[in-house]
C-alpha atoms as a PDB file:
ATOM      1  CA  MET A   1      59.932   5.279  23.400  1.00  0.00           C
ATOM      2  CA  GLU A   2      60.966   8.967  22.861  1.00  0.00           C
ATOM      3  CA  LEU A   3      58.966  11.834  21.396  1.00  0.00           C
ATOM      4  CA  LYS A   4      60.839  14.885  19.902  1.00  0.00           C
ATOM      5  CA  LEU A   5      58.822  18.061  19.938  1.00  0.00           C
ATOM      6  CA  LEU A   6      60.062  21.168  18.132  1.00  0.00           C
ATOM      7  CA  ALA A   7      58.752  24.555  19.303  1.00  0.00           C
ATOM      8  CA  VAL A   8      59.351  27.561  16.875  1.00  0.00           C
ATOM      9  CA  GLY A   9      59.513  31.159  17.939  1.00  0.00           C
ATOM     10  CA  ASP A  10      57.304  33.900  16.772  1.00  0.00           C
ATOM     11  CA  VAL A  11      56.866  34.137  12.982  1.00  0.00           C
ATOM     12  CA  VAL A  12      57.277  37.626  11.870  1.00  0.00           C
ATOM     13  CA  ALA A  13      55.601  38.978   8.492  1.00  0.00           C
ATOM     14  CA  ASN A  14      56.020  37.706   5.104  1.00  0.00           C
ATOM     15  CA  GLY A  15      59.769  37.275   5.423  1.00  0.00           C
ATOM     16  CA  GLY A  16      59.299  34.970   8.438  1.00  0.00           C
ATOM     17  CA  MET A  17      56.409  33.107   6.763  1.00  0.00           C
ATOM     18  CA  ASP A  18      58.365  32.413   3.656  1.00  0.00           C
ATOM     19  CA  PHE A  19      61.488  31.283   5.529  1.00  0.00           C
ATOM     20  CA  LEU A  20      59.222  28.919   7.684  1.00  0.00           C
ATOM     21  CA  LYS A  21      57.559  27.595   4.619  1.00  0.00           C
ATOM     22  CA  SER A  22      61.028  26.869   3.065  1.00  0.00           C
ATOM     23  CA  ASN A  23      62.867  25.445   5.978  1.00  0.00           C
ATOM     24  CA  LEU A  24      60.593  23.939   8.416  1.00  0.00           C
ATOM     25  CA  PRO A  25      60.000  20.676   6.452  1.00  0.00           C
ATOM     26  CA  ALA A  26      63.606  20.011   6.023  1.00  0.00           C
ATOM     27  CA  LEU A  27      64.460  20.863   9.735  1.00  0.00           C
ATOM     28  CA  LYS A  28      61.718  18.176  10.853  1.00  0.00           C
ATOM     29  CA  ARG A  29      63.187  15.611   8.660  1.00  0.00           C
ATOM     30  CA  GLU A  30      66.839  16.283   9.760  1.00  0.00           C
ATOM     31  CA  HIS A  31      65.747  15.994  13.480  1.00  0.00           C
ATOM     32  CA  ALA A  32      62.885  13.353  13.069  1.00  0.00           C
ATOM     33  CA  ILE A  33      60.520  15.742  14.808  1.00  0.00           C
ATOM     34  CA  ASP A  34      57.276  13.910  15.962  1.00  0.00           C
ATOM     35  CA  PHE A  35      55.258  17.018  16.862  1.00  0.00           C
ATOM     36  CA  CYS A  36      55.575  20.882  16.111  1.00  0.00           C
ATOM     37  CA  VAL A  37      54.289  23.945  17.769  1.00  0.00           C
ATOM     38  CA  VAL A  38      54.652  27.278  16.029  1.00  0.00           C
ATOM     39  CA  ASN A  39      53.763  30.745  17.472  1.00  0.00           C
ATOM     40  CA  GLY A  40      52.101  32.651  14.804  1.00  0.00           C
ATOM     41  CA  GLU A  41      50.863  35.848  16.422  1.00  0.00           C
ATOM     42  CA  ASN A  42      53.115  38.107  14.358  1.00  0.00           C
ATOM     43  CA  ALA A  43      52.507  36.561  10.953  1.00  0.00           C
ATOM     44  CA  ALA A  44      50.746  39.558   9.642  1.00  0.00           C
ATOM     45  CA  VAL A  45      52.898  41.888  11.906  1.00  0.00           C
ATOM     46  CA  LEU A  46      50.111  42.310  14.354  1.00  0.00           C
ATOM     47  CA  GLY A  47      48.003  39.091  14.239  1.00  0.00           C
ATOM     48  CA  ILE A  48      47.511  36.453  11.661  1.00  0.00           C
ATOM     49  CA  THR A  49      45.239  35.673   8.901  1.00  0.00           C
ATOM     50  CA  PRO A  50      43.352  32.481   8.080  1.00  0.00           C
ATOM     51  CA  GLN A  51      45.462  32.023   4.947  1.00  0.00           C
ATOM     52  CA  GLN A  52      48.565  32.453   6.935  1.00  0.00           C
ATOM     53  CA  ALA A  53      47.429  29.944   9.387  1.00  0.00           C
ATOM     54  CA  GLU A  54      46.801  27.403   6.796  1.00  0.00           C
ATOM     55  CA  THR A  55      50.231  28.039   5.272  1.00  0.00           C
ATOM     56  CA  ILE A  56      51.934  27.382   8.694  1.00  0.00           C
ATOM     57  CA  PHE A  57      49.972  24.136   9.040  1.00  0.00           C
ATOM     58  CA  ASP A  58      51.037  22.968   5.533  1.00  0.00           C
ATOM     59  CA  ALA A  59      54.575  23.802   6.418  1.00  0.00           C
ATOM     60  CA  GLY A  60      54.460  21.257   9.171  1.00  0.00           C
ATOM     61  CA  ALA A  61      53.001  22.727  12.273  1.00  0.00           C
ATOM     62  CA  ASP A  62      50.720  20.678  14.446  1.00  0.00           C
ATOM     63  CA  VAL A  63      49.601  23.515  16.606  1.00  0.00           C
ATOM     64  CA  ILE A  64      49.762  27.332  16.226  1.00  0.00           C
ATOM     65  CA  THR A  65      49.974  29.231  19.468  1.00  0.00           C
ATOM     66  CA  MET A  66      49.086  33.005  19.759  1.00  0.00           C
ATOM     67  CA  GLY A  67      49.730  35.748  22.368  1.00  0.00           C
ATOM     68  CA  ASN A  68      49.030  39.416  22.984  1.00  0.00           C
ATOM     69  CA  HIS A  69      48.374  40.081  19.179  1.00  0.00           C
ATOM     70  CA  THR A  70      45.812  37.382  18.915  1.00  0.00           C
ATOM     71  CA  TRP A  71      43.057  39.688  17.857  1.00  0.00           C
ATOM     72  CA  GLY A  72      45.261  41.989  15.638  1.00  0.00           C
ATOM     73  CA  ARG A  73      43.514  40.647  12.497  1.00  0.00           C
ATOM     74  CA  ARG A  74      39.686  40.394  13.280  1.00  0.00           C
ATOM     75  CA  ASP A  75      39.175  38.011  10.300  1.00  0.00           C
ATOM     76  CA  ILE A  76      41.015  35.278  12.396  1.00  0.00           C
ATOM     77  CA  ILE A  77      38.094  35.197  14.739  1.00  0.00           C
ATOM     78  CA  PRO A  78      35.770  32.613  12.915  1.00  0.00           C
ATOM     79  CA  TYR A  79      38.836  30.516  12.057  1.00  0.00           C
ATOM     80  CA  ILE A  80      40.182  30.296  15.652  1.00  0.00           C
ATOM     81  CA  GLU A  81      36.666  29.494  16.862  1.00  0.00           C
ATOM     82  CA  ARG A  82      36.352  26.435  14.825  1.00  0.00           C
ATOM     83  CA  SER A  83      40.046  25.300  14.732  1.00  0.00           C
ATOM     84  CA  ARG A  84      41.177  22.906  17.499  1.00  0.00           C
ATOM     85  CA  ARG A  85      44.877  23.289  16.434  1.00  0.00           C
ATOM     86  CA  MET A  86      45.083  27.083  16.904  1.00  0.00           C
ATOM     87  CA  LEU A  87      45.332  28.176  20.588  1.00  0.00           C
ATOM     88  CA  ARG A  88      44.953  31.515  22.077  1.00  0.00           C
ATOM     89  CA  PRO A  89      46.097  32.298  25.651  1.00  0.00           C
ATOM     90  CA  ALA A  90      44.109  30.146  28.102  1.00  0.00           C
ATOM     91  CA  ASN A  91      44.061  32.856  30.701  1.00  0.00           C
ATOM     92  CA  TYR A  92      42.249  35.242  28.407  1.00  0.00           C
ATOM     93  CA  SER A  93      38.607  35.948  29.312  1.00  0.00           C
ATOM     94  CA  ALA A  94      36.199  32.982  28.777  1.00  0.00           C
ATOM     95  CA  LEU A  95      34.109  35.319  26.864  1.00  0.00           C
ATOM     96  CA  GLN A  96      36.745  35.495  24.166  1.00  0.00           C
ATOM     97  CA  PRO A  97      36.463  33.071  21.207  1.00  0.00           C
ATOM     98  CA  GLY A  98      38.639  29.998  20.776  1.00  0.00           C
ATOM     99  CA  ARG A  99      40.415  27.752  23.234  1.00  0.00           C
ATOM    100  CA  GLY A 100      43.718  27.998  25.270  1.00  0.00           C
ATOM    101  CA  TRP A 101      44.671  24.353  25.402  1.00  0.00           C
ATOM    102  CA  GLY A 102      44.085  21.175  23.550  1.00  0.00           C
ATOM    103  CA  ILE A 103      44.868  17.454  23.549  1.00  0.00           C
ATOM    104  CA  TYR A 104      46.027  15.937  20.278  1.00  0.00           C
ATOM    105  CA  GLU A 105      46.158  12.204  19.302  1.00  0.00           C
ATOM    106  CA  THR A 106      49.618  10.926  18.177  1.00  0.00           C
ATOM    107  CA  THR A 107      51.195   7.537  17.749  1.00  0.00           C
ATOM    108  CA  PHE A 108      53.067   8.341  21.039  1.00  0.00           C
ATOM    109  CA  GLY A 109      49.899   8.993  22.995  1.00  0.00           C
ATOM    110  CA  ASN A 110      47.891  12.094  23.635  1.00  0.00           C
ATOM    111  CA  VAL A 111      49.959  15.376  23.585  1.00  0.00           C
ATOM    112  CA  ALA A 112      48.661  18.272  25.470  1.00  0.00           C
ATOM    113  CA  VAL A 113      49.536  21.911  24.502  1.00  0.00           C
ATOM    114  CA  ILE A 114      48.524  24.767  26.932  1.00  0.00           C
ATOM    115  CA  ASP A 115      49.046  28.423  25.710  1.00  0.00           C
ATOM    116  CA  LEU A 116      49.319  31.077  28.383  1.00  0.00           C
ATOM    117  CA  ILE A 117      50.200  34.879  28.372  1.00  0.00           C
ATOM    118  CA  GLY A 118      52.022  36.859  31.189  1.00  0.00           C
ATOM    119  CA  ARG A 119      50.837  39.720  33.166  1.00  0.00           C
ATOM    120  CA  CYS A 120      53.989  41.842  33.424  1.00  0.00           C
ATOM    121  CA  ASN A 121      54.121  44.936  31.094  1.00  0.00           C
ATOM    122  CA  MET A 122      51.301  43.632  28.899  1.00  0.00           C
ATOM    123  CA  ASP A 123      48.713  46.130  27.556  1.00  0.00           C
ATOM    124  CA  TYR A 124      45.777  43.730  28.556  1.00  0.00           C
ATOM    125  CA  THR A 125      45.783  42.357  31.904  1.00  0.00           C
ATOM    126  CA  PRO A 126      44.509  38.617  31.706  1.00  0.00           C
ATOM    127  CA  GLU A 127      43.855  36.184  34.485  1.00  0.00           C
ATOM    128  CA  ASN A 128      46.596  34.874  36.417  1.00  0.00           C
ATOM    129  CA  PRO A 129      48.511  32.399  34.338  1.00  0.00           C
ATOM    130  CA  PHE A 130      49.868  30.405  37.290  1.00  0.00           C
ATOM    131  CA  ALA A 131      46.395  29.791  38.750  1.00  0.00           C
ATOM    132  CA  THR A 132      45.029  29.186  35.417  1.00  0.00           C
ATOM    133  CA  VAL A 133      47.628  26.519  34.441  1.00  0.00           C
ATOM    134  CA  GLU A 134      47.120  24.627  37.840  1.00  0.00           C
ATOM    135  CA  HIS A 135      43.401  24.598  37.173  1.00  0.00           C
ATOM    136  CA  ILE A 136      43.922  23.154  33.618  1.00  0.00           C
ATOM    137  CA  LEU A 137      46.455  20.499  34.665  1.00  0.00           C
ATOM    138  CA  LYS A 138      43.633  19.005  37.094  1.00  0.00           C
ATOM    139  CA  ARG A 139      41.874  18.067  33.986  1.00  0.00           C
ATOM    140  CA  MET A 140      44.757  16.443  32.300  1.00  0.00           C
ATOM    141  CA  ASP A 141      45.030  12.601  31.945  1.00  0.00           C
ATOM    142  CA  THR A 142      48.218  12.475  29.829  1.00  0.00           C
ATOM    143  CA  LYS A 143      52.009  12.690  30.822  1.00  0.00           C
ATOM    144  CA  LEU A 144      53.006  14.533  27.595  1.00  0.00           C
ATOM    145  CA  ILE A 145      52.167  18.051  28.492  1.00  0.00           C
ATOM    146  CA  PHE A 146      53.878  21.261  26.970  1.00  0.00           C
ATOM    147  CA  VAL A 147      53.256  24.804  28.262  1.00  0.00           C
ATOM    148  CA  GLU A 148      54.081  27.963  26.312  1.00  0.00           C
ATOM    149  CA  LEU A 149      54.147  31.375  28.245  1.00  0.00           C
ATOM    150  CA  HIS A 150      54.031  34.328  26.127  1.00  0.00           C
ATOM    151  CA  ALA A 151      55.440  36.909  28.299  1.00  0.00           C
ATOM    152  CA  GLU A 152      57.795  39.974  28.393  1.00  0.00           C
ATOM    153  CA  ALA A 153      59.477  39.336  31.833  1.00  0.00           C
ATOM    154  CA  THR A 154      62.128  36.529  31.942  1.00  0.00           C
ATOM    155  CA  SER A 155      61.409  36.351  35.789  1.00  0.00           C
ATOM    156  CA  GLU A 156      57.798  35.420  35.114  1.00  0.00           C
ATOM    157  CA  LYS A 157      58.720  32.736  32.496  1.00  0.00           C
ATOM    158  CA  LEU A 158      61.392  31.389  34.949  1.00  0.00           C
ATOM    159  CA  ALA A 159      58.949  31.229  37.729  1.00  0.00           C
ATOM    160  CA  MET A 160      56.515  29.357  35.694  1.00  0.00           C
ATOM    161  CA  GLY A 161      59.228  26.897  34.682  1.00  0.00           C
ATOM    162  CA  TRP A 162      60.129  26.094  38.285  1.00  0.00           C
ATOM    163  CA  MET A 163      56.528  25.993  39.342  1.00  0.00           C
ATOM    164  CA  LEU A 164      55.839  23.294  36.740  1.00  0.00           C
ATOM    165  CA  ASP A 165      59.009  21.363  37.199  1.00  0.00           C
ATOM    166  CA  GLY A 166      58.108  17.646  37.341  1.00  0.00           C
ATOM    167  CA  LYS A 167      54.356  18.350  36.477  1.00  0.00           C
ATOM    168  CA  VAL A 168      54.837  18.850  32.711  1.00  0.00           C
ATOM    169  CA  SER A 169      57.247  17.706  30.021  1.00  0.00           C
ATOM    170  CA  ALA A 170      58.451  21.195  28.837  1.00  0.00           C
ATOM    171  CA  VAL A 171      57.894  24.942  29.239  1.00  0.00           C
ATOM    172  CA  TRP A 172      59.016  27.606  26.953  1.00  0.00           C
ATOM    173  CA  GLY A 173      58.707  31.256  26.476  1.00  0.00           C
ATOM    174  CA  THR A 174      57.783  33.450  23.443  1.00  0.00           C
ATOM    175  CA  HIS A 175      57.080  37.201  22.862  1.00  0.00           C
ATOM    176  CA  THR A 176      60.682  38.923  23.214  1.00  0.00           C
ATOM    177  CA  HIS A 177      61.843  37.585  19.799  1.00  0.00           C
ATOM    178  CA  VAL A 178      65.364  37.117  21.314  1.00  0.00           C
ATOM    179  CA  GLN A 179      66.489  33.538  21.637  1.00  0.00           C
ATOM    180  CA  THR A 180      67.980  32.865  25.154  1.00  0.00           C
ATOM    181  CA  ALA A 181      70.872  30.504  25.875  1.00  0.00           C
ATOM    182  CA  ASP A 182      69.438  29.002  28.998  1.00  0.00           C
ATOM    183  CA  GLU A 183      67.881  25.723  27.535  1.00  0.00           C
ATOM    184  CA  ARG A 184      68.026  22.865  30.091  1.00  0.00           C
ATOM    185  CA  VAL A 185      66.283  20.195  31.851  1.00  0.00           C
ATOM    186  CA  LEU A 186      65.082  21.247  35.329  1.00  0.00           C
ATOM    187  CA  PRO A 187      65.777  18.978  38.264  1.00  0.00           C
ATOM    188  CA  GLN A 188      62.431  17.345  38.230  1.00  0.00           C
ATOM    189  CA  GLY A 189      62.489  16.566  34.697  1.00  0.00           C
ATOM    190  CA  THR A 190      60.901  19.394  32.783  1.00  0.00           C
ATOM    191  CA  GLY A 191      62.498  20.912  29.664  1.00  0.00           C
ATOM    192  CA  TYR A 192      62.921  24.674  29.632  1.00  0.00           C
ATOM    193  CA  ILE A 193      64.013  27.732  27.721  1.00  0.00           C
ATOM    194  CA  THR A 194      63.064  31.239  28.528  1.00  0.00           C
ATOM    195  CA  ASP A 195      62.652  32.391  25.002  1.00  0.00           C
ATOM    196  CA  LEU A 196      62.595  30.603  21.747  1.00  0.00           C
ATOM    197  CA  GLY A 197      63.424  33.540  19.632  1.00  0.00           C
ATOM    198  CA  MET A 198      61.811  34.458  16.431  1.00  0.00           C
ATOM    199  CA  THR A 199      61.407  33.339  12.697  1.00  0.00           C
ATOM    200  CA  GLY A 200      61.874  36.455  10.628  1.00  0.00           C
ATOM    201  CA  PRO A 201      64.294  39.146   9.279  1.00  0.00           C
ATOM    202  CA  ARG A 202      67.771  38.897  10.942  1.00  0.00           C
ATOM    203  CA  ASN A 203      68.807  42.528  10.500  1.00  0.00           C
ATOM    204  CA  SER A 204      66.094  44.039  12.430  1.00  0.00           C
ATOM    205  CA  VAL A 205      64.803  45.046  15.929  1.00  0.00           C
ATOM    206  CA  LEU A 206      62.505  42.177  16.805  1.00  0.00           C
ATOM    207  CA  GLY A 207      61.664  41.808  13.069  1.00  0.00           C
ATOM    208  CA  ILE A 208      60.940  45.464  12.492  1.00  0.00           C
ATOM    209  CA  LYS A 209      63.159  47.918  10.498  1.00  0.00           C
ATOM    210  CA  PRO A 210      65.799  49.286  12.948  1.00  0.00           C
ATOM    211  CA  GLU A 211      65.155  52.920  12.112  1.00  0.00           C
ATOM    212  CA  LEU A 212      61.567  52.757  13.045  1.00  0.00           C
ATOM    213  CA  SER A 213      62.491  51.566  16.615  1.00  0.00           C
ATOM    214  CA  ILE A 214      65.353  53.921  16.798  1.00  0.00           C
ATOM    215  CA  ARG A 215      62.930  56.871  16.084  1.00  0.00           C
ATOM    216  CA  ARG A 216      60.440  55.761  18.660  1.00  0.00           C
ATOM    217  CA  PHE A 217      63.355  55.285  21.349  1.00  0.00           C
ATOM    218  CA  ARG A 218      64.769  58.762  20.493  1.00  0.00           C
ATOM    219  CA  GLY A 219      61.226  60.233  21.298  1.00  0.00           C
ATOM    220  CA  GLU A 220      60.536  61.233  17.717  1.00  0.00           C
ATOM    221  CA  ILE A 221      56.886  61.152  16.348  1.00  0.00           C
ATOM    222  CA  PRO A 222      55.983  57.489  16.232  1.00  0.00           C
ATOM    223  CA  SER A 223      55.348  55.875  12.986  1.00  0.00           C
ATOM    224  CA  ARG A 224      53.721  52.616  11.979  1.00  0.00           C
ATOM    225  CA  TYR A 225      56.055  49.623  12.364  1.00  0.00           C
ATOM    226  CA  GLU A 226      57.168  47.983   9.203  1.00  0.00           C
ATOM    227  CA  PRO A 227      58.907  44.661   8.934  1.00  0.00           C
ATOM    228  CA  ALA A 228      62.521  44.604   7.821  1.00  0.00           C
ATOM    229  CA  SER A 229      63.833  43.193   4.581  1.00  0.00           C
ATOM    230  CA  GLY A 230      66.740  40.982   3.889  1.00  0.00           C
ATOM    231  CA  GLY A 231      67.976  37.667   5.118  1.00  0.00           C
ATOM    232  CA  CYS A 232      65.803  35.688   7.619  1.00  0.00           C
ATOM    233  CA  LYS A 233      66.340  33.137  10.485  1.00  0.00           C
ATOM    234  CA  LEU A 234      64.335  30.352  12.306  1.00  0.00           C
ATOM    235  CA  GLU A 235      64.856  29.893  15.869  1.00  0.00           C
ATOM    236  CA  GLY A 236      63.243  27.460  18.343  1.00  0.00           C
ATOM    237  CA  CYS A 237      63.962  24.376  20.723  1.00  0.00           C
ATOM    238  CA  ILE A 238      63.844  20.742  20.458  1.00  0.00           C
ATOM    239  CA  PHE A 239      62.630  18.724  23.461  1.00  0.00           C
ATOM    240  CA  THR A 240      63.294  15.079  23.518  1.00  0.00           C
ATOM    241  CA  ILE A 241      60.629  13.359  25.967  1.00  0.00           C
ATOM    242  CA  ASP A 242      60.489   9.768  27.548  1.00  0.00           C
ATOM    243  CA  CYS A 243      56.860   8.869  26.545  1.00  0.00           C
ATOM    244  CA  GLN A 244      56.524   6.447  29.655  1.00  0.00           C
ATOM    245  CA  THR A 245      57.435   9.043  32.359  1.00  0.00           C
ATOM    246  CA  GLY A 246      56.646  12.337  30.347  1.00  0.00           C
ATOM    247  CA  LYS A 247      60.104  13.609  31.625  1.00  0.00           C
ATOM    248  CA  CYS A 248      62.353  15.717  29.194  1.00  0.00           C
ATOM    249  CA  LEU A 249      65.690  13.893  28.383  1.00  0.00           C
ATOM    250  CA  ARG A 250      67.235  16.513  26.227  1.00  0.00           C
ATOM    251  CA  THR A 251      66.948  20.218  25.114  1.00  0.00           C
ATOM    252  CA  GLU A 252      68.624  21.565  21.905  1.00  0.00           C
ATOM    253  CA  ARG A 253      68.400  25.183  20.524  1.00  0.00           C
ATOM    254  CA  VAL A 254      67.730  25.535  16.964  1.00  0.00           C
ATOM    255  CA  MET A 255      68.722  28.536  14.774  1.00  0.00           C
ATOM    256  CA  ILE A 256      68.997  28.484  11.040  1.00  0.00           C
ATOM    257  CA  HIS A 257      69.444  31.374   8.742  1.00  0.00           C
ATOM    258  CA  ASP A 258      70.082  32.313   5.072  1.00  0.00           C
END
């Protein structure tokens, strides 16, 4: 028996939300997706609201993952505290609300999802994600384990993939909003991609109006980032898993746009 998991890259602003809502159900039907994980930390540009989280779940997500903008909207705190299906990075301080991993019952058996955040070039320095995930894996009793690393450095994501090869079903990266072309199955059977990409405005700099990023890089007075308008895209990756072994059989990048 095979399980097909779809991981969707960071949803950015209202454009990304609307595009996800319009396209995710059909995408899941087309590829016969059994389980879906969506990164939602930029749904409100910086953070996510409870209403946006509900919209993402209604569109077809089974789990929402977060990252360095987890607390961008403080009204998410009570929601993330009570929701088992929204994950913040597991290597955040234990004093912070919410949870960093979960096990979910499916017809294919228990599916585990672990959310991590990297340490390179992040404003907040969390606990070591490599040590954290090793500790969590000792508590797992399922073969269907999926790990997201929300990180800036490609080297950090690659190192995580290689460390977990043969120990989990798949590892993917988020945060950079640029889909990488390195999807593969690693030698010991773990599916991998360095970054899923993003779900949001196509004609943008990571979802933001290009002129605002240009001003910042030119050294002009910074202004508040605003999401770009126009056509959108949805990017992610499908991992096909052998349920008996937990090994990844195939990886397939996904990119749709209007």
